[in-house]
Structures are given as structure tokens and as C-alpha cells.
């Protein structure tokens, strides 16, 4: 599954396709794909640089 981060509040969702409205801040947000596929990310699978 892909991990998506809300660009307004930072909420992270594990879902195939991000929603139009963030379930946390209830805003219409742009979601950034923060899934990480390199070993440098550790066991979280989230790229903290994003």
C-alpha cells in the first residue's frame, strides 16, 4: 500500500489512492506520496525527508 501525507496537517494514510478531503484536518488537501522503497528508511516505510 502507498503512504500518503497531507500537505497541510501532516496526517499519514496507508491507502491505495488518497481522498479529496483529509480525514484529520477536514480540509481539501494535496497528498504527497511518502512511501519509501529504499533500506535507508528503516522499518517504517516512510521517507521522513518528505
Protein backbone atom coordinates (compact mmCIF):
# COMPACT_ATOMS: atom_id res chain seq x y z
CA UNK A 1 0.00 0.00 0.00
CA UNK A 2 1.06 3.56 -0.62
CA UNK A 3 1.59 6.01 2.24
CA UNK A 4 0.19 9.48 1.65
CA UNK A 5 0.91 12.57 3.78
CA UNK A 6 -1.41 15.58 3.97
CA UNK A 7 0.49 18.71 2.95
CA UNK A 8 -1.46 20.83 5.48
CA UNK A 9 -1.53 18.86 8.74
CA UNK A 10 0.97 16.04 8.12
CA UNK A 11 -1.53 13.21 8.66
CA UNK A 12 -0.36 9.95 7.03
CA UNK A 13 -2.73 7.44 5.42
CA UNK A 14 -1.92 3.93 4.21
CA UNK A 15 -4.26 3.56 1.26
CA UNK A 16 -4.05 2.90 -2.48
CA UNK A 17 -5.42 6.30 -3.55
CA UNK A 18 -5.64 9.42 -1.36
CA UNK A 19 -9.04 11.00 -0.64
CA UNK A 20 -10.02 14.51 -1.73
CA UNK A 21 -10.55 15.62 1.86
CA UNK A 22 -8.16 14.83 4.72
CA UNK A 23 -9.83 12.77 7.47
CA UNK A 24 -7.75 14.56 10.12
CA UNK A 25 -7.97 18.29 9.31
CA UNK A 26 -11.15 18.00 7.16
CA UNK A 27 -9.55 20.25 4.51
CA UNK A 28 -9.30 19.66 0.78
CA UNK A 29 -5.56 18.90 0.65
CA UNK A 30 -2.84 17.77 -1.67
CA UNK A 31 -1.42 14.43 -0.56
CA UNK A 32 2.26 13.62 -1.08
CA UNK A 33 3.43 10.03 -1.63
CA UNK A 34 5.88 9.40 1.23
CA UNK A 35 6.26 5.67 0.63
CA UNK A 36 9.88 4.68 0.72
CA UNK A 37 11.35 1.73 -1.11
CA UNK A 38 14.99 2.06 -0.06
CA UNK A 39 16.58 0.43 3.02
CA UNK A 40 17.60 3.86 4.41
CA UNK A 41 14.03 4.42 5.61
CA UNK A 42 14.23 1.58 8.09
CA UNK A 43 11.22 -0.46 9.07
CA UNK A 44 8.69 2.41 8.92
CA UNK A 45 8.50 2.57 5.13
CA UNK A 46 8.02 6.36 5.39
CA UNK A 47 10.56 8.77 3.97
CA UNK A 48 10.98 11.34 6.80
CA UNK A 49 12.67 13.74 4.37
CA UNK A 50 9.30 14.45 2.75
